[in-house]
N, C-alpha and C. Protein backbone atom coordinates (compact mmCIF):
# COMPACT_ATOMS: atom_id res chain seq x y z
N MET A 1 48.51 163.00 133.53
CA MET A 1 49.44 161.74 133.79
C MET A 1 50.20 162.23 134.96
N ASP A 2 50.26 161.45 136.13
CA ASP A 2 51.18 161.97 136.97
C ASP A 2 52.25 160.78 137.02
N HIS A 3 53.20 160.67 137.37
CA HIS A 3 54.28 159.81 137.49
C HIS A 3 55.38 159.82 138.60
N SER A 4 54.81 160.13 139.56
CA SER A 4 54.93 160.14 140.86
C SER A 4 55.81 158.96 141.67
N GLU A 5 54.78 158.04 141.40
CA GLU A 5 55.07 156.91 141.88
C GLU A 5 56.29 156.06 141.27
N GLU A 6 56.37 156.37 139.66
CA GLU A 6 57.32 155.88 138.58
C GLU A 6 58.38 156.13 138.88
N ASN A 7 58.74 157.66 139.89
CA ASN A 7 59.97 158.33 140.02
C ASN A 7 60.56 157.97 141.10
N LYS A 8 59.28 157.94 142.36
CA LYS A 8 60.01 156.87 143.28
C LYS A 8 60.78 155.54 143.33
N SER A 9 60.31 154.73 142.48
CA SER A 9 60.79 153.15 142.38
C SER A 9 61.97 153.34 141.50
N LYS A 10 61.87 154.27 140.58
CA LYS A 10 63.68 155.19 139.68
C LYS A 10 63.96 155.90 139.78
N PRO A 11 64.77 156.19 141.23
CA PRO A 11 64.80 157.80 141.07
C PRO A 11 65.72 158.59 140.24
N ASP A 12 66.07 158.22 139.35
CA ASP A 12 67.31 158.75 138.10
C ASP A 12 66.20 158.30 136.69
N GLY A 13 64.93 157.69 136.64
CA GLY A 13 63.83 157.78 135.55
C GLY A 13 64.13 155.87 134.82
N GLY A 14 64.94 155.85 135.38
CA GLY A 14 65.61 154.67 134.26
C GLY A 14 65.95 152.87 135.39
N ILE A 15 67.23 153.55 136.51
CA ILE A 15 67.54 152.14 136.58
C ILE A 15 67.26 151.68 138.21
N ASP A 16 66.92 150.81 138.16
CA ASP A 16 66.72 150.34 139.72
C ASP A 16 67.36 150.88 140.90
N PRO A 17 67.19 151.04 141.57
CA PRO A 17 67.37 151.56 142.97
C PRO A 17 68.71 149.81 143.06
N GLU A 18 68.95 148.94 143.01
CA GLU A 18 69.49 148.19 143.58
C GLU A 18 70.51 147.98 142.49
N GLU A 19 70.51 147.90 141.19
CA GLU A 19 71.10 147.87 140.34
C GLU A 19 72.11 149.24 140.20
N LEU A 20 71.51 150.07 140.68
CA LEU A 20 72.15 151.64 140.69
C LEU A 20 73.61 151.03 141.69
N THR A 21 73.09 150.46 143.09
CA THR A 21 73.95 150.51 144.04
C THR A 21 75.07 149.17 143.50
N LYS A 22 74.57 148.80 142.88
CA LYS A 22 75.31 147.61 142.21
C LYS A 22 76.42 148.40 141.58
N LEU A 23 76.17 149.19 140.63
CA LEU A 23 76.87 149.86 140.15
C LEU A 23 78.01 151.03 140.74
N PHE A 24 77.65 151.27 141.58
CA PHE A 24 78.03 152.37 142.63
C PHE A 24 79.37 151.58 143.14
N GLU A 25 78.77 150.01 143.70
CA GLU A 25 80.16 149.37 144.41
C GLU A 25 81.07 148.89 143.54
N LYS A 26 80.82 148.84 142.26
CA LYS A 26 81.59 148.56 141.18
C LYS A 26 82.29 149.53 141.42
N LEU A 27 81.93 150.83 140.64
CA LEU A 27 83.05 152.15 140.54
C LEU A 27 83.75 152.57 142.08
N LYS A 28 83.36 152.08 143.25
CA LYS A 28 84.12 151.82 144.30
C LYS A 28 85.43 151.54 144.31
N LEU A 29 85.64 150.41 143.55
CA LEU A 29 86.62 149.61 144.02
C LEU A 29 87.06 149.40 142.68
N ASN A 30 86.99 149.83 141.27
CA ASN A 30 87.31 150.50 140.45
C ASN A 30 87.32 149.19 139.45
N LYS A 31 86.42 148.56 139.18
CA LYS A 31 86.65 147.31 138.33
C LYS A 31 85.97 147.92 137.00
N PHE A 32 85.31 149.43 136.72
CA PHE A 32 84.65 149.86 135.59
C PHE A 32 86.06 150.92 135.13
N GLN A 33 86.24 150.52 133.32
CA GLN A 33 87.01 151.58 133.01
C GLN A 33 86.43 152.07 131.77
N PHE A 34 86.08 153.68 131.15
CA PHE A 34 86.38 154.36 130.54
C PHE A 34 86.72 153.53 129.17
N CYS A 35 85.69 153.03 128.30
CA CYS A 35 86.09 152.53 126.69
C CYS A 35 86.28 153.92 125.84
N PRO A 36 87.15 153.92 125.14
CA PRO A 36 88.16 155.10 124.41
C PRO A 36 87.10 155.55 122.77
N TYR A 37 86.43 154.35 122.69
CA TYR A 37 85.84 154.50 121.39
C TYR A 37 84.44 154.80 121.74
N CYS A 38 83.83 154.30 122.60
CA CYS A 38 82.33 154.42 122.39
C CYS A 38 81.69 154.88 124.54
N GLN A 39 83.00 155.18 124.87
CA GLN A 39 82.96 156.56 126.36
C GLN A 39 81.92 156.02 126.99
N SER A 40 81.96 154.30 127.24
CA SER A 40 81.03 153.52 128.06
C SER A 40 82.44 153.30 129.55
N ALA A 41 80.97 153.10 130.51
CA ALA A 41 81.90 153.01 131.68
C ALA A 41 81.63 151.21 131.63
N VAL A 42 82.81 150.21 131.42
CA VAL A 42 82.88 148.73 130.96
C VAL A 42 84.11 148.13 132.03
N GLU A 43 83.59 146.72 132.64
CA GLU A 43 84.72 145.84 132.32
C GLU A 43 85.26 145.15 131.34
N TYR A 44 87.03 145.88 130.90
CA TYR A 44 87.33 145.00 129.70
C TYR A 44 87.47 143.50 129.76
N ILE A 45 86.90 142.85 128.98
CA ILE A 45 87.14 141.59 128.59
C ILE A 45 88.28 140.84 127.85
N TRP A 46 88.65 139.75 128.04
CA TRP A 46 90.16 139.58 127.83
C TRP A 46 89.51 138.32 126.69
N VAL A 47 90.20 138.89 125.07
CA VAL A 47 89.86 138.24 124.03
C VAL A 47 91.05 137.59 123.16
N HIS A 48 91.25 136.46 123.17
CA HIS A 48 92.88 135.83 122.24
C HIS A 48 93.80 136.82 122.57
N GLY A 49 93.90 137.41 124.01
CA GLY A 49 95.86 137.97 123.76
C GLY A 49 95.68 139.33 124.08
N HIS A 50 94.26 139.73 124.31
CA HIS A 50 93.73 141.57 124.56
C HIS A 50 92.81 141.50 124.65
N TYR A 51 92.56 142.98 125.44
CA TYR A 51 91.72 143.46 126.21
C TYR A 51 90.85 144.15 125.28
N GLN A 52 89.21 143.50 124.96
CA GLN A 52 88.64 144.58 124.48
C GLN A 52 87.39 144.96 125.33
N CYS A 53 86.67 146.11 124.92
CA CYS A 53 85.24 146.67 125.14
C CYS A 53 84.36 145.60 124.94
N PRO A 54 83.30 145.38 125.76
CA PRO A 54 82.69 144.25 125.77
C PRO A 54 81.18 145.11 125.21
N LYS A 55 81.02 146.10 124.98
CA LYS A 55 80.24 146.80 124.57
C LYS A 55 80.31 147.30 122.86
N CYS A 56 81.31 147.65 122.53
CA CYS A 56 81.74 147.51 120.92
C CYS A 56 82.85 146.90 120.01
N LYS A 57 83.17 146.25 121.30
CA LYS A 57 84.23 145.11 120.80
C LYS A 57 85.52 145.42 120.45
N ASN A 58 86.09 146.68 120.26
CA ASN A 58 87.37 147.34 119.95
C ASN A 58 88.06 146.64 120.69
N VAL A 59 89.07 146.61 120.55
CA VAL A 59 90.35 146.42 121.33
C VAL A 59 90.92 147.72 122.01
N VAL A 60 90.59 147.75 123.31
CA VAL A 60 91.57 148.85 123.80
C VAL A 60 92.66 148.13 124.47
N ILE A 61 93.33 147.56 124.79
CA ILE A 61 94.69 146.92 125.41
C ILE A 61 95.21 145.66 124.44
N SER A 62 96.16 145.90 123.44
CA SER A 62 96.99 145.26 122.96
C SER A 62 97.65 144.58 123.59
N CYS A 63 98.45 143.04 123.33
CA CYS A 63 99.03 142.22 123.32
C CYS A 63 100.37 142.67 123.29
N CYS A 64 100.31 143.45 121.70
CA CYS A 64 101.48 144.22 121.29
C CYS A 64 101.68 145.32 121.55
N GLY A 65 100.95 146.24 122.44
CA GLY A 65 100.99 147.37 122.27
C GLY A 65 100.10 147.99 121.25
N GLU A 66 99.58 147.56 119.88
CA GLU A 66 98.90 148.39 119.00
C GLU A 66 97.57 148.09 119.38
N SER A 67 96.93 148.67 119.32
CA SER A 67 95.32 149.65 119.39
C SER A 67 94.24 149.38 118.03
């Protein structure tokens, strides 16, 4: 089975090249942070007075300094 055409359309084997370009642009603008719990590169979201990871839902920056 030849996967050469699949590798041409997706250079890393799984992410669309356009999506990869968008991710690199966000990284250049420092929009991503690494979650200390799940280690994902994400944009934290503001929920009820604190920031949380959108992937694992853990509080990463509390309004009171607690985590």
